[in-house]
N, C-alpha and C. Protein backbone atom coordinates (compact mmCIF):
# COMPACT_ATOMS: atom_id res chain seq x y z
N UNK A 1 11.89 31.33 -39.32
CA UNK A 1 12.07 32.70 -38.85
C UNK A 1 10.75 33.46 -38.92
N UNK A 2 10.07 33.35 -40.10
CA UNK A 2 8.82 34.10 -40.26
C UNK A 2 7.74 33.57 -39.34
N UNK A 3 7.71 32.25 -39.13
CA UNK A 3 6.72 31.67 -38.23
C UNK A 3 6.94 32.12 -36.79
N UNK A 4 8.21 32.16 -36.39
CA UNK A 4 8.53 32.61 -35.04
C UNK A 4 8.17 34.07 -34.82
N UNK A 5 8.39 34.88 -35.85
CA UNK A 5 8.04 36.30 -35.77
C UNK A 5 6.53 36.48 -35.66
N UNK A 6 5.79 35.64 -36.37
CA UNK A 6 4.33 35.71 -36.29
C UNK A 6 3.84 35.30 -34.90
N UNK A 7 4.47 34.29 -34.30
CA UNK A 7 4.08 33.85 -32.96
C UNK A 7 4.39 34.94 -31.93
N UNK A 8 5.57 35.56 -32.05
CA UNK A 8 5.92 36.65 -31.13
C UNK A 8 4.94 37.81 -31.29
N UNK A 9 4.58 38.13 -32.52
CA UNK A 9 3.60 39.19 -32.76
C UNK A 9 2.25 38.87 -32.14
N UNK A 10 1.83 37.61 -32.23
CA UNK A 10 0.55 37.22 -31.64
C UNK A 10 0.58 37.29 -30.12
N UNK A 11 1.70 36.89 -29.52
CA UNK A 11 1.82 36.96 -28.06
C UNK A 11 1.80 38.41 -27.59
N UNK A 12 2.52 39.28 -28.30
CA UNK A 12 2.52 40.70 -27.93
C UNK A 12 1.13 41.30 -28.11
N UNK A 13 0.44 40.91 -29.17
CA UNK A 13 -0.92 41.41 -29.41
C UNK A 13 -1.85 40.99 -28.27
N UNK A 14 -1.80 39.73 -27.87
CA UNK A 14 -2.68 39.25 -26.80
C UNK A 14 -2.34 39.90 -25.46
N UNK A 15 -1.05 40.04 -25.15
CA UNK A 15 -0.67 40.70 -23.90
C UNK A 15 -1.12 42.16 -23.91
N UNK A 16 -1.00 42.82 -25.05
CA UNK A 16 -1.45 44.20 -25.16
C UNK A 16 -2.95 44.33 -24.98
N UNK A 17 -3.69 43.35 -25.50
CA UNK A 17 -5.15 43.37 -25.33
C UNK A 17 -5.52 43.22 -23.85
N UNK A 18 -4.79 42.36 -23.13
CA UNK A 18 -5.04 42.21 -21.69
C UNK A 18 -4.70 43.51 -20.96
N UNK A 19 -3.56 44.12 -21.30
CA UNK A 19 -3.18 45.38 -20.66
C UNK A 19 -4.24 46.45 -20.90
N UNK A 20 -4.71 46.55 -22.15
CA UNK A 20 -5.72 47.56 -22.47
C UNK A 20 -7.02 47.27 -21.72
N UNK A 21 -7.41 46.00 -21.65
CA UNK A 21 -8.61 45.65 -20.91
C UNK A 21 -8.50 45.96 -19.43
N UNK A 22 -7.34 45.74 -18.86
CA UNK A 22 -7.15 46.09 -17.46
C UNK A 22 -7.11 47.60 -17.26
N UNK A 23 -6.51 48.29 -18.19
CA UNK A 23 -6.45 49.75 -18.09
C UNK A 23 -7.83 50.38 -18.14
N UNK A 24 -8.73 49.79 -18.90
CA UNK A 24 -10.10 50.31 -18.99
C UNK A 24 -11.00 49.79 -17.87
N UNK A 25 -10.50 48.84 -17.08
CA UNK A 25 -11.28 48.31 -15.97
C UNK A 25 -12.14 47.12 -16.33
N UNK A 26 -11.99 46.55 -17.53
CA UNK A 26 -12.78 45.39 -17.92
C UNK A 26 -12.26 44.09 -17.31
N UNK A 27 -10.96 44.05 -16.98
CA UNK A 27 -10.36 42.86 -16.38
C UNK A 27 -9.86 43.25 -14.99
N UNK A 28 -10.58 42.89 -13.95
CA UNK A 28 -10.17 43.31 -12.59
C UNK A 28 -9.09 42.39 -12.01
N UNK A 29 -8.53 42.84 -10.88
CA UNK A 29 -7.64 41.99 -10.11
C UNK A 29 -6.17 42.33 -10.22
N UNK A 30 -5.84 43.52 -10.63
CA UNK A 30 -4.45 43.90 -10.78
C UNK A 30 -4.29 45.36 -10.41
N UNK A 31 -3.04 45.75 -10.14
CA UNK A 31 -2.79 47.17 -9.88
C UNK A 31 -2.99 48.01 -11.14
N UNK A 32 -3.05 47.36 -12.30
CA UNK A 32 -3.26 48.08 -13.56
C UNK A 32 -4.73 48.40 -13.80
N UNK A 33 -5.63 47.78 -13.07
CA UNK A 33 -7.06 47.95 -13.29
C UNK A 33 -7.47 49.39 -13.05
N UNK A 34 -8.09 49.98 -14.06
CA UNK A 34 -8.61 51.33 -13.97
C UNK A 34 -7.59 52.43 -14.21
N UNK A 35 -6.33 52.07 -14.49
CA UNK A 35 -5.29 53.07 -14.76
C UNK A 35 -5.16 53.24 -16.27
N UNK A 36 -5.52 54.42 -16.77
CA UNK A 36 -5.58 54.66 -18.22
C UNK A 36 -4.21 54.54 -18.88
N UNK A 37 -3.15 54.70 -18.09
CA UNK A 37 -1.80 54.55 -18.64
C UNK A 37 -1.62 53.16 -19.25
N UNK A 38 -2.19 52.13 -18.60
CA UNK A 38 -2.05 50.78 -19.10
C UNK A 38 -2.89 50.54 -20.35
N UNK A 39 -3.95 51.29 -20.51
CA UNK A 39 -4.71 51.21 -21.76
C UNK A 39 -3.84 51.67 -22.92
N UNK A 40 -3.13 52.77 -22.75
CA UNK A 40 -2.29 53.29 -23.83
C UNK A 40 -1.08 52.39 -24.09
N UNK A 41 -0.50 51.84 -23.05
CA UNK A 41 0.60 50.88 -23.24
C UNK A 41 0.10 49.65 -23.98
N UNK A 42 -1.06 49.14 -23.58
CA UNK A 42 -1.64 47.98 -24.24
C UNK A 42 -2.00 48.26 -25.69
N UNK A 43 -2.50 49.46 -25.96
CA UNK A 43 -2.82 49.83 -27.34
C UNK A 43 -1.56 49.84 -28.20
N UNK A 44 -0.48 50.37 -27.66
CA UNK A 44 0.79 50.36 -28.39
C UNK A 44 1.29 48.95 -28.63
N UNK A 45 1.11 48.08 -27.65
CA UNK A 45 1.51 46.69 -27.83
C UNK A 45 0.67 45.98 -28.89
N UNK A 46 -0.63 46.28 -28.92
CA UNK A 46 -1.50 45.69 -29.95
C UNK A 46 -1.05 46.14 -31.33
N UNK A 47 -0.77 47.41 -31.49
CA UNK A 47 -0.32 47.92 -32.79
C UNK A 47 1.03 47.28 -33.17
N UNK A 48 1.94 47.19 -32.20
CA UNK A 48 3.23 46.55 -32.47
C UNK A 48 3.09 45.08 -32.82
N UNK A 49 2.22 44.37 -32.13
CA UNK A 49 1.98 42.96 -32.45
C UNK A 49 1.39 42.77 -33.83
N UNK A 50 0.46 43.66 -34.20
CA UNK A 50 -0.10 43.61 -35.55
C UNK A 50 0.97 43.88 -36.60
N UNK A 51 1.85 44.83 -36.33
CA UNK A 51 2.92 45.15 -37.28
C UNK A 51 3.87 43.98 -37.44
N UNK A 52 4.24 43.33 -36.34
CA UNK A 52 5.12 42.15 -36.43
C UNK A 52 4.45 41.02 -37.20
N UNK A 53 3.17 40.80 -36.92
CA UNK A 53 2.45 39.75 -37.64
C UNK A 53 2.34 40.05 -39.12
N UNK A 54 2.08 41.29 -39.47
CA UNK A 54 2.00 41.66 -40.89
C UNK A 54 3.36 41.53 -41.56
N UNK A 55 4.42 41.89 -40.86
CA UNK A 55 5.76 41.76 -41.41
C UNK A 55 6.10 40.30 -41.64
N UNK A 56 5.70 39.43 -40.72
CA UNK A 56 5.99 38.01 -40.84
C UNK A 56 5.18 37.35 -41.94
N UNK A 57 3.99 37.82 -42.18
CA UNK A 57 3.10 37.14 -43.13
C UNK A 57 3.04 37.77 -44.50
N UNK A 58 3.81 38.82 -44.73
CA UNK A 58 3.77 39.44 -46.06
C UNK A 58 4.37 38.50 -47.09
N UNK A 59 3.95 38.64 -48.33
CA UNK A 59 4.21 37.62 -49.34
C UNK A 59 5.51 37.80 -50.10
N UNK A 60 5.98 39.00 -50.29
CA UNK A 60 7.18 39.14 -51.11
C UNK A 60 8.42 39.26 -50.23
N UNK A 61 9.56 38.93 -50.83
CA UNK A 61 10.80 38.96 -50.07
C UNK A 61 11.42 40.35 -50.13
N UNK A 62 12.36 40.61 -49.25
CA UNK A 62 12.97 41.93 -49.15
C UNK A 62 13.86 42.25 -50.35
N UNK A 63 14.56 41.29 -50.85
CA UNK A 63 15.61 41.55 -51.83
C UNK A 63 15.23 41.19 -53.26
N UNK A 64 14.01 40.77 -53.47
CA UNK A 64 13.57 40.43 -54.82
C UNK A 64 13.90 38.98 -55.17
N UNK A 65 13.54 38.56 -56.35
CA UNK A 65 13.79 37.18 -56.75
C UNK A 65 15.27 36.94 -57.01
N UNK A 66 15.71 35.70 -56.97
CA UNK A 66 17.11 35.40 -57.24
C UNK A 66 17.49 35.74 -58.68
N UNK A 67 18.74 35.99 -58.89
CA UNK A 67 19.23 36.36 -60.21
C UNK A 67 18.94 35.23 -61.20
N UNK A 68 18.41 35.57 -62.34
CA UNK A 68 18.12 34.60 -63.39
C UNK A 68 16.73 33.98 -63.30
N UNK A 69 15.95 34.32 -62.28
CA UNK A 69 14.60 33.77 -62.15
C UNK A 69 13.66 34.48 -63.11
N UNK A 70 12.73 33.75 -63.67
CA UNK A 70 11.75 34.34 -64.57
C UNK A 70 10.67 35.01 -63.74
N UNK A 71 10.39 36.26 -64.01
CA UNK A 71 9.46 37.04 -63.21
C UNK A 71 8.26 37.43 -64.06
N UNK A 72 7.04 37.23 -63.52
CA UNK A 72 5.83 37.69 -64.18
C UNK A 72 5.40 38.99 -63.51
N UNK A 73 5.07 39.99 -64.31
CA UNK A 73 4.63 41.25 -63.75
C UNK A 73 3.13 41.31 -63.56
N UNK A 74 2.43 40.31 -64.03
CA UNK A 74 1.00 40.21 -63.76
C UNK A 74 0.68 38.73 -63.66
N UNK A 75 -0.34 38.43 -62.89
CA UNK A 75 -0.73 37.03 -62.72
C UNK A 75 -1.39 36.54 -64.00
N UNK A 76 -0.96 35.40 -64.53
CA UNK A 76 -1.58 34.88 -65.76
C UNK A 76 -3.00 34.39 -65.48
N UNK A 77 -3.83 34.44 -66.50
CA UNK A 77 -5.19 33.92 -66.39
C UNK A 77 -5.11 32.41 -66.21
N UNK A 78 -5.89 31.84 -65.29
CA UNK A 78 -5.75 30.40 -65.02
C UNK A 78 -6.02 29.51 -66.22
N UNK A 79 -6.84 29.95 -67.17
CA UNK A 79 -7.14 29.11 -68.33
C UNK A 79 -6.29 29.48 -69.53
N UNK A 80 -5.33 30.37 -69.34
CA UNK A 80 -4.49 30.83 -70.44
C UNK A 80 -3.53 29.73 -70.87
N UNK A 81 -3.43 29.53 -72.17
CA UNK A 81 -2.49 28.56 -72.72
C UNK A 81 -1.30 29.26 -73.36
N UNK A 82 -1.19 30.56 -73.18
CA UNK A 82 -0.09 31.30 -73.79
C UNK A 82 1.22 30.96 -73.07
N UNK A 83 2.34 30.94 -73.82
CA UNK A 83 3.61 30.55 -73.21
C UNK A 83 4.11 31.54 -72.16
N UNK A 84 3.72 32.82 -72.25
CA UNK A 84 4.21 33.77 -71.24
C UNK A 84 3.58 33.55 -69.88
N UNK A 85 2.50 32.80 -69.80
CA UNK A 85 1.85 32.53 -68.52
C UNK A 85 2.46 31.35 -67.79
N UNK A 86 3.27 30.54 -68.49
CA UNK A 86 3.85 29.34 -67.88
C UNK A 86 5.30 29.56 -67.51
N UNK A 87 5.74 28.90 -66.50
CA UNK A 87 7.15 28.92 -66.14
C UNK A 87 7.56 30.07 -65.24
N UNK A 88 6.63 30.86 -64.77
CA UNK A 88 6.98 31.97 -63.89
C UNK A 88 7.26 31.44 -62.50
N UNK A 89 8.39 31.83 -61.95
CA UNK A 89 8.73 31.39 -60.60
C UNK A 89 8.27 32.40 -59.57
N UNK A 90 8.23 33.68 -59.91
CA UNK A 90 7.86 34.74 -58.99
C UNK A 90 6.87 35.66 -59.69
N UNK A 91 5.87 36.12 -58.95
CA UNK A 91 4.94 37.09 -59.49
C UNK A 91 5.05 38.36 -58.71
N UNK A 92 5.12 39.46 -59.41
CA UNK A 92 5.20 40.76 -58.75
C UNK A 92 3.86 41.45 -58.80
């Protein structure tokens, strides 16, 4: 699901970049070339694609860790031998 959302976000981002480029006149050959309306539509698509990609690639889940999972509130030091640094399933 997350991978598909990232792919859709990337496609929307690329299409928006093409629309914006045509709206500014950098990409000729279309009725959109030189029409500033398409620059603004493309800019909105780029922002939407970035938002979808960020939503797909964010690290934490929406509902929190499963019930009974051990949660660390800070990342343990990699060389730490203390017992509170081991066994954490989720880090917040």
